[in-house]
Amino acid sequence: MFTNGCFDLLHCGHVRYLQAARALGKALLVGVNSDQSVARIKPSSPGQPPRPILPDLQRAEVLAALKPVDGVFIFPESTAIEAIKVLQPDIYVKGGDYHRDTLPEAPAVRAYGGQIHLIEIEVPQSTSHIIRRILGK
């Protein structure tokens, strides 16, 4: 299985998501967006700190230390399409806040016959929400 994301400020929602993803198979590989790709995906807004908060090597190290995670790598693109083309995971996993119809990686997964599994969000939390709470917004 393979999943990907920014994983900027790791929180309980991330942990539960990764546990659920790992439960789908024998091994879980996690792709982490590089610092440059996070900056493209989550551009600065007035009154907000620039993203990512934590550098990619630190985000990858924290993820690699988690029990459900079997391997981690950093990728420079804004989407995981190129990684999926190379890895061709049996199952590509994303959070339930995504939709198969609009998931940019979906055509790449379907092209080789892989499955897409969306995991229901148990803890409605995000790094953006955490940042707003810290800033009192």
Protein backbone atom coordinates (compact mmCIF):
# COMPACT_ATOMS: atom_id res chain seq x y z
CA MET A 1 0.00 0.00 0.00
CA PHE A 2 1.01 3.55 -0.62
CA THR A 3 -0.19 6.90 0.64
CA ASN A 4 1.21 10.38 0.51
CA GLY A 5 0.81 13.83 1.97
CA CYS A 6 2.46 16.83 3.55
CA PHE A 7 2.23 15.56 7.16
CA ASP A 8 3.38 19.00 8.31
CA LEU A 9 2.37 18.99 11.98
CA LEU A 10 1.67 15.38 12.86
CA HIS A 11 -1.57 14.97 14.83
CA CYS A 12 -3.95 12.25 15.98
CA GLY A 13 -5.86 12.34 12.69
CA HIS A 14 -2.66 11.47 10.83
CA VAL A 15 -1.85 8.63 13.22
CA ARG A 16 -5.31 7.07 12.97
CA TYR A 17 -5.26 7.46 9.20
CA LEU A 18 -1.90 5.69 8.95
CA GLN A 19 -3.06 2.91 11.28
CA ALA A 20 -6.15 2.34 9.14
CA ALA A 21 -4.08 2.41 5.93
CA ARG A 22 -1.60 -0.13 7.33
CA ALA A 23 -4.44 -2.45 8.34
CA LEU A 24 -5.31 -2.85 4.63
CA GLY A 25 -2.24 -4.93 3.83
CA LYS A 26 1.25 -6.17 4.62
CA ALA A 27 3.31 -2.97 4.29
CA LEU A 28 2.72 0.78 4.10
CA LEU A 29 4.96 3.12 2.15
CA VAL A 30 4.45 6.86 2.71
CA GLY A 31 5.45 9.57 0.25
CA VAL A 32 6.10 12.96 1.84
CA ASN A 33 5.80 16.15 -0.17
CA SER A 34 9.09 18.04 -0.30
CA ASP A 35 9.33 21.51 1.22
CA GLN A 36 9.06 23.08 -2.25
CA SER A 37 5.96 21.08 -3.17
CA VAL A 38 4.25 21.93 0.15
CA ALA A 39 4.94 25.62 -0.53
CA ARG A 40 3.23 25.22 -3.94
CA ILE A 41 0.25 23.27 -2.56
CA LYS A 42 -0.26 25.48 0.48
CA PRO A 43 0.80 29.01 -0.50
CA SER A 44 1.26 31.68 2.15
CA SER A 45 -1.78 33.63 3.26
CA PRO A 46 -1.80 36.96 5.06
CA GLY A 47 -1.34 36.46 8.79
CA GLN A 48 -0.30 32.81 8.35
CA PRO A 49 3.22 31.38 8.61
CA PRO A 50 4.75 30.00 5.43
CA ARG A 51 4.33 26.28 4.92
CA PRO A 52 5.70 23.82 5.62
CA ILE A 53 6.20 24.45 9.31
CA LEU A 54 8.66 21.56 9.64
CA PRO A 55 11.29 20.65 7.02
CA ASP A 56 10.76 17.55 4.89
CA LEU A 57 13.59 15.54 6.43
CA GLN A 58 12.10 16.01 9.90
CA ARG A 59 8.59 15.18 8.71
CA ALA A 60 9.91 12.01 7.06
CA GLU A 61 11.87 11.02 10.18
CA VAL A 62 8.82 11.35 12.44
CA LEU A 63 6.67 9.32 10.04
CA ALA A 64 9.33 6.61 9.74
CA ALA A 65 9.30 6.21 13.53
CA LEU A 66 5.59 5.34 13.57
CA LYS A 67 4.66 1.69 13.97
CA PRO A 68 2.23 1.50 10.99
CA VAL A 69 4.80 2.95 8.57
CA ASP A 70 7.21 0.56 6.84
CA GLY A 71 9.00 3.07 4.63
CA VAL A 72 9.10 6.78 3.78
CA PHE A 73 10.44 8.82 0.90
CA ILE A 74 10.29 12.49 -0.09
CA PHE A 75 9.04 13.47 -3.53
CA PRO A 76 9.28 16.88 -5.26
CA GLU A 77 6.05 16.93 -7.30
CA SER A 78 2.77 18.45 -6.11
CA THR A 79 0.99 15.13 -6.64
CA ALA A 80 2.08 11.52 -6.22
CA ILE A 81 1.36 10.61 -9.85
CA GLU A 82 5.00 9.97 -10.81
CA ALA A 83 5.62 7.91 -7.65
CA ILE A 84 2.53 5.83 -8.37
CA LYS A 85 3.66 5.17 -11.94
CA VAL A 86 6.97 3.82 -10.61
CA LEU A 87 5.70 1.96 -7.53
CA GLN A 88 2.39 0.67 -8.90
CA PRO A 89 1.03 -0.13 -5.42
CA ASP A 90 -1.80 -2.67 -5.19
CA ILE A 91 -3.70 -0.17 -3.06
CA TYR A 92 -3.41 3.61 -3.09
CA VAL A 93 -4.83 5.12 0.10
CA LYS A 94 -6.10 8.63 0.74
CA GLY A 95 -8.30 10.27 3.37
CA GLY A 96 -12.06 10.36 3.07
CA ASP A 97 -11.95 14.09 2.44
CA TYR A 98 -10.87 13.22 -1.12
CA HIS A 99 -13.15 11.89 -3.86
CA ARG A 100 -12.21 9.26 -6.44
CA ASP A 101 -13.64 11.44 -9.22
CA THR A 102 -11.35 14.39 -8.47
CA LEU A 103 -8.30 12.62 -7.02
CA PRO A 104 -5.42 13.61 -9.35
CA GLU A 105 -3.67 10.27 -8.84
CA ALA A 106 -6.74 8.17 -9.73
CA PRO A 107 -6.04 7.82 -13.49
CA ALA A 108 -2.46 6.64 -12.79
CA VAL A 109 -3.72 4.01 -10.33
CA ARG A 110 -6.47 2.83 -12.68
CA ALA A 111 -4.01 2.61 -15.61
CA TYR A 112 -2.27 -0.45 -14.12
CA GLY A 113 -5.33 -1.92 -12.37
CA GLY A 114 -4.60 -0.74 -8.82
CA GLN A 115 -7.26 -0.06 -6.20
CA ILE A 116 -8.04 3.25 -4.52
CA HIS A 117 -9.16 3.11 -0.90
CA LEU A 118 -10.49 6.19 0.88
CA ILE A 119 -10.22 6.11 4.68
CA GLU A 120 -12.95 7.72 6.73
CA ILE A 121 -11.70 10.64 8.78
CA GLU A 122 -12.06 9.81 12.48
CA VAL A 123 -10.54 12.98 13.91
CA PRO A 124 -11.45 16.10 11.94
CA GLN A 125 -8.11 17.85 12.42
CA SER A 126 -5.63 19.52 10.10
CA THR A 127 -2.37 21.39 10.31
CA SER A 128 -4.19 24.49 9.05
CA HIS A 129 -6.69 24.23 11.93
CA ILE A 130 -3.84 23.82 14.43
CA ILE A 131 -2.07 26.89 13.06
CA ARG A 132 -5.27 28.98 13.23
CA ARG A 133 -5.83 27.85 16.83
CA ILE A 134 -2.27 28.78 17.83
CA LEU A 135 -2.70 32.19 16.20
CA GLY A 136 -6.09 32.64 17.90
CA LYS A 137 -7.98 32.95 14.61
